[in-house]
Amino acid sequence: MSKKNNTQEVVQEYFLDYELFDTTEIIKITAFYKLIVDINKGKSFKKEDIINKYNEYRSIINNKSLEKKYDSEFEKLYNCSIYKTMQNILK
């Protein structure tokens, strides 16, 4: 994630293989990433909505090894895991 001075907007960088996804899918993936970050910051959301977004994310990625790769990169960048976050929600 890169930041500019305090008066400018924060720009988030994601580690996607952009050539694998169309624009709509990239928008949905990045929205899901933001949701996971917000959950880990303590914001609350409806469990049903989170699960629906997670299922949508998984159907777009549609590859276990890619999911693991993205989760690992996500955890390095944001200090939270998609997998661990969803495991806690699905309990």
N, C-alpha and C. Protein backbone atom coordinates (compact mmCIF):
# COMPACT_ATOMS: atom_id res chain seq x y z
N MET A 1 0.86 -1.16 0.00
CA MET A 1 0.00 0.00 0.00
C MET A 1 0.90 1.23 0.00
N SER A 2 0.61 2.16 -0.81
CA SER A 2 1.38 3.40 -0.82
C SER A 2 0.50 4.53 -0.30
N LYS A 3 1.14 5.46 0.39
CA LYS A 3 0.40 6.59 0.94
C LYS A 3 1.02 7.88 0.44
N LYS A 4 0.19 8.87 0.24
CA LYS A 4 0.67 10.19 -0.09
C LYS A 4 0.50 11.03 1.17
N ASN A 5 0.79 12.31 1.10
CA ASN A 5 0.67 13.10 2.32
C ASN A 5 -0.76 13.08 2.87
N ASN A 6 -0.94 13.56 4.07
CA ASN A 6 -2.20 13.42 4.80
C ASN A 6 -3.43 13.98 4.09
N THR A 7 -3.24 14.93 3.20
CA THR A 7 -4.40 15.53 2.55
C THR A 7 -4.82 14.78 1.29
N GLN A 8 -4.01 13.81 0.87
CA GLN A 8 -4.36 13.09 -0.34
C GLN A 8 -4.87 11.70 -0.02
N GLU A 9 -5.53 11.12 -0.97
CA GLU A 9 -6.17 9.82 -0.81
C GLU A 9 -5.13 8.70 -0.70
N VAL A 10 -5.45 7.67 0.09
CA VAL A 10 -4.60 6.49 0.20
C VAL A 10 -4.85 5.61 -1.01
N VAL A 11 -3.78 5.16 -1.63
CA VAL A 11 -3.90 4.30 -2.81
C VAL A 11 -3.50 2.89 -2.39
N GLN A 12 -4.39 1.92 -2.61
CA GLN A 12 -4.09 0.54 -2.25
C GLN A 12 -3.63 -0.21 -3.49
N GLU A 13 -2.58 -0.99 -3.29
CA GLU A 13 -2.07 -1.81 -4.37
C GLU A 13 -2.36 -3.26 -4.04
N TYR A 14 -2.89 -3.99 -5.00
CA TYR A 14 -3.17 -5.40 -4.79
C TYR A 14 -2.28 -6.22 -5.71
N PHE A 15 -2.07 -7.44 -5.38
CA PHE A 15 -1.14 -8.36 -6.01
C PHE A 15 -1.89 -9.40 -6.82
N LEU A 16 -2.68 -8.95 -7.74
CA LEU A 16 -3.47 -9.86 -8.57
C LEU A 16 -2.77 -10.13 -9.89
N ASP A 17 -3.06 -11.28 -10.45
CA ASP A 17 -2.65 -11.57 -11.80
C ASP A 17 -3.75 -11.00 -12.69
N TYR A 18 -3.64 -9.73 -12.99
CA TYR A 18 -4.72 -8.99 -13.66
C TYR A 18 -5.14 -9.59 -14.99
N GLU A 19 -4.23 -10.25 -15.67
CA GLU A 19 -4.58 -10.83 -16.97
C GLU A 19 -5.53 -12.02 -16.85
N LEU A 20 -5.68 -12.56 -15.64
CA LEU A 20 -6.57 -13.71 -15.43
C LEU A 20 -8.03 -13.31 -15.24
N PHE A 21 -8.28 -12.02 -14.97
CA PHE A 21 -9.61 -11.58 -14.59
C PHE A 21 -10.07 -10.41 -15.44
N ASP A 22 -11.40 -10.31 -15.62
CA ASP A 22 -11.91 -9.14 -16.32
C ASP A 22 -12.14 -8.01 -15.31
N THR A 23 -12.50 -6.86 -15.79
CA THR A 23 -12.64 -5.67 -14.94
C THR A 23 -13.66 -5.87 -13.83
N THR A 24 -14.78 -6.46 -14.15
CA THR A 24 -15.82 -6.69 -13.14
C THR A 24 -15.31 -7.62 -12.04
N GLU A 25 -14.59 -8.65 -12.43
CA GLU A 25 -14.05 -9.58 -11.44
C GLU A 25 -13.00 -8.91 -10.56
N ILE A 26 -12.17 -8.08 -11.13
CA ILE A 26 -11.16 -7.36 -10.35
C ILE A 26 -11.82 -6.44 -9.34
N ILE A 27 -12.88 -5.78 -9.74
CA ILE A 27 -13.61 -4.90 -8.82
C ILE A 27 -14.18 -5.71 -7.66
N LYS A 28 -14.75 -6.87 -7.95
CA LYS A 28 -15.33 -7.72 -6.89
C LYS A 28 -14.24 -8.25 -5.97
N ILE A 29 -13.10 -8.64 -6.52
CA ILE A 29 -12.00 -9.15 -5.71
C ILE A 29 -11.47 -8.06 -4.78
N THR A 30 -11.23 -6.88 -5.32
CA THR A 30 -10.69 -5.80 -4.49
C THR A 30 -11.70 -5.35 -3.43
N ALA A 31 -12.99 -5.39 -3.75
CA ALA A 31 -14.01 -5.05 -2.76
C ALA A 31 -14.00 -6.09 -1.63
N PHE A 32 -13.80 -7.35 -1.99
CA PHE A 32 -13.71 -8.40 -0.97
C PHE A 32 -12.48 -8.19 -0.09
N TYR A 33 -11.35 -7.84 -0.69
CA TYR A 33 -10.13 -7.57 0.10
C TYR A 33 -10.38 -6.43 1.08
N LYS A 34 -11.05 -5.38 0.63
CA LYS A 34 -11.36 -4.25 1.52
C LYS A 34 -12.27 -4.71 2.66
N LEU A 35 -13.22 -5.56 2.35
CA LEU A 35 -14.12 -6.10 3.37
C LEU A 35 -13.33 -6.85 4.44
N ILE A 36 -12.38 -7.69 4.04
CA ILE A 36 -11.57 -8.45 4.99
C ILE A 36 -10.75 -7.51 5.87
N VAL A 37 -10.16 -6.50 5.28
CA VAL A 37 -9.39 -5.52 6.05
C VAL A 37 -10.31 -4.81 7.05
N ASP A 38 -11.49 -4.39 6.59
CA ASP A 38 -12.44 -3.70 7.48
C ASP A 38 -12.89 -4.60 8.64
N ILE A 39 -13.13 -5.86 8.36
CA ILE A 39 -13.51 -6.81 9.42
C ILE A 39 -12.41 -6.89 10.46
N ASN A 40 -11.17 -6.95 10.01
CA ASN A 40 -10.04 -7.06 10.93
C ASN A 40 -9.73 -5.76 11.65
N LYS A 41 -10.30 -4.67 11.18
CA LYS A 41 -10.19 -3.39 11.89
C LYS A 41 -11.31 -3.23 12.90
N GLY A 42 -12.21 -4.23 12.97
CA GLY A 42 -13.27 -4.20 13.96
C GLY A 42 -14.63 -3.74 13.46
N LYS A 43 -14.74 -3.44 12.20
CA LYS A 43 -16.04 -3.04 11.66
C LYS A 43 -16.94 -4.26 11.57
N SER A 44 -18.23 -4.05 11.80
CA SER A 44 -19.15 -5.19 11.78
C SER A 44 -19.98 -5.20 10.50
N PHE A 45 -20.25 -6.40 10.05
CA PHE A 45 -21.04 -6.63 8.85
C PHE A 45 -21.94 -7.82 9.12
N LYS A 46 -22.98 -7.97 8.34
CA LYS A 46 -23.85 -9.13 8.48
C LYS A 46 -23.09 -10.38 8.03
N LYS A 47 -23.17 -11.41 8.86
CA LYS A 47 -22.47 -12.66 8.56
C LYS A 47 -22.88 -13.20 7.19
N GLU A 48 -24.14 -13.15 6.87
CA GLU A 48 -24.65 -13.65 5.59
C GLU A 48 -24.01 -12.90 4.41
N ASP A 49 -23.86 -11.58 4.54
CA ASP A 49 -23.25 -10.78 3.48
C ASP A 49 -21.78 -11.16 3.28
N ILE A 50 -21.08 -11.35 4.39
CA ILE A 50 -19.66 -11.73 4.32
C ILE A 50 -19.51 -13.08 3.63
N ILE A 51 -20.32 -14.02 4.01
CA ILE A 51 -20.25 -15.37 3.42
C ILE A 51 -20.57 -15.31 1.93
N ASN A 52 -21.56 -14.53 1.55
CA ASN A 52 -21.90 -14.38 0.13
C ASN A 52 -20.73 -13.78 -0.66
N LYS A 53 -20.08 -12.76 -0.11
CA LYS A 53 -18.93 -12.13 -0.78
C LYS A 53 -17.76 -13.12 -0.86
N TYR A 54 -17.57 -13.91 0.18
CA TYR A 54 -16.50 -14.92 0.18
C TYR A 54 -16.76 -15.97 -0.90
N ASN A 55 -17.98 -16.44 -0.98
CA ASN A 55 -18.32 -17.43 -2.01
C ASN A 55 -18.15 -16.85 -3.41
N GLU A 56 -18.51 -15.61 -3.58
CA GLU A 56 -18.33 -14.93 -4.87
C GLU A 56 -16.83 -14.84 -5.19
N TYR A 57 -16.03 -14.45 -4.22
CA TYR A 57 -14.57 -14.36 -4.38
C TYR A 57 -13.99 -15.71 -4.79
N ARG A 58 -14.39 -16.76 -4.09
CA ARG A 58 -13.87 -18.10 -4.39
C ARG A 58 -14.30 -18.58 -5.77
N SER A 59 -15.51 -18.23 -6.19
CA SER A 59 -15.95 -18.65 -7.52
C SER A 59 -15.20 -17.90 -8.62
N ILE A 60 -14.79 -16.67 -8.36
CA ILE A 60 -14.01 -15.91 -9.33
C ILE A 60 -12.59 -16.47 -9.42
N ILE A 61 -11.95 -16.67 -8.27
CA ILE A 61 -10.58 -17.18 -8.25
C ILE A 61 -10.57 -18.61 -8.81
N ASN A 62 -11.45 -19.45 -8.30
CA ASN A 62 -11.67 -20.80 -8.79
C ASN A 62 -10.39 -21.63 -8.93
N ASN A 63 -9.47 -21.48 -7.96
CA ASN A 63 -8.22 -22.21 -7.99
C ASN A 63 -7.62 -22.19 -6.57
N LYS A 64 -7.53 -23.35 -5.95
CA LYS A 64 -7.06 -23.43 -4.55
C LYS A 64 -5.65 -22.88 -4.39
N SER A 65 -4.75 -23.24 -5.30
CA SER A 65 -3.37 -22.77 -5.14
C SER A 65 -3.28 -21.25 -5.31
N LEU A 66 -4.09 -20.68 -6.19
CA LEU A 66 -4.12 -19.24 -6.37
C LEU A 66 -4.72 -18.56 -5.13
N GLU A 67 -5.75 -19.18 -4.55
CA GLU A 67 -6.32 -18.65 -3.30
C GLU A 67 -5.26 -18.60 -2.21
N LYS A 68 -4.49 -19.68 -2.08
CA LYS A 68 -3.44 -19.74 -1.05
C LYS A 68 -2.36 -18.70 -1.31
N LYS A 69 -1.98 -18.54 -2.57
CA LYS A 69 -0.97 -17.54 -2.94
C LYS A 69 -1.45 -16.14 -2.58
N TYR A 70 -2.68 -15.83 -2.98
CA TYR A 70 -3.23 -14.51 -2.69
C TYR A 70 -3.39 -14.27 -1.19
N ASP A 71 -3.79 -15.30 -0.46
CA ASP A 71 -3.94 -15.16 0.99
C ASP A 71 -2.59 -14.87 1.64
N SER A 72 -1.56 -15.57 1.19
CA SER A 72 -0.22 -15.35 1.73
C SER A 72 0.25 -13.93 1.47
N GLU A 73 0.07 -13.44 0.25
CA GLU A 73 0.45 -12.08 -0.10
C GLU A 73 -0.38 -11.06 0.68
N PHE A 74 -1.67 -11.34 0.81
CA PHE A 74 -2.57 -10.46 1.54
C PHE A 74 -2.14 -10.34 2.99
N GLU A 75 -1.79 -11.48 3.60
CA GLU A 75 -1.37 -11.48 5.01
C GLU A 75 -0.08 -10.69 5.19
N LYS A 76 0.85 -10.82 4.26
CA LYS A 76 2.11 -10.06 4.35
C LYS A 76 1.84 -8.56 4.27
N LEU A 77 0.94 -8.18 3.41
CA LEU A 77 0.67 -6.77 3.17
C LEU A 77 -0.21 -6.13 4.23
N TYR A 78 -1.22 -6.86 4.71
CA TYR A 78 -2.22 -6.28 5.61
C TYR A 78 -2.24 -6.87 7.02
N ASN A 79 -1.36 -7.82 7.28
CA ASN A 79 -1.27 -8.45 8.61
C ASN A 79 -2.58 -9.11 9.05
N CYS A 80 -3.32 -9.61 8.09
CA CYS A 80 -4.51 -10.41 8.39
C CYS A 80 -4.71 -11.41 7.26
N SER A 81 -5.26 -12.55 7.61
CA SER A 81 -5.42 -13.63 6.65
C SER A 81 -6.89 -13.75 6.22
N ILE A 82 -7.09 -13.89 4.93
CA ILE A 82 -8.45 -14.13 4.42
C ILE A 82 -8.97 -15.44 5.00
N TYR A 83 -8.15 -16.48 4.91
CA TYR A 83 -8.55 -17.81 5.37
C TYR A 83 -8.90 -17.79 6.86
N LYS A 84 -8.01 -17.23 7.69
CA LYS A 84 -8.26 -17.22 9.14
C LYS A 84 -9.47 -16.36 9.49
N THR A 85 -9.63 -15.26 8.80
CA THR A 85 -10.79 -14.39 9.04
C THR A 85 -12.07 -15.15 8.73
N MET A 86 -12.09 -15.83 7.60
CA MET A 86 -13.31 -16.57 7.22
C MET A 86 -13.54 -17.76 8.12
N GLN A 87 -12.50 -18.42 8.58
CA GLN A 87 -12.69 -19.53 9.52
C GLN A 87 -13.36 -19.07 10.79
N ASN A 88 -12.96 -17.90 11.29
CA ASN A 88 -13.59 -17.34 12.49
C ASN A 88 -15.05 -16.99 12.25
N ILE A 89 -15.37 -16.52 11.08
CA ILE A 89 -16.75 -16.14 10.75
C ILE A 89 -17.61 -17.38 10.56
N LEU A 90 -17.05 -18.42 9.97
CA LEU A 90 -17.82 -19.61 9.65
C LEU A 90 -18.02 -20.54 10.85
N LYS A 91 -17.40 -20.24 11.98
CA LYS A 91 -17.56 -21.08 13.19
C LYS A 91 -18.98 -21.09 13.68
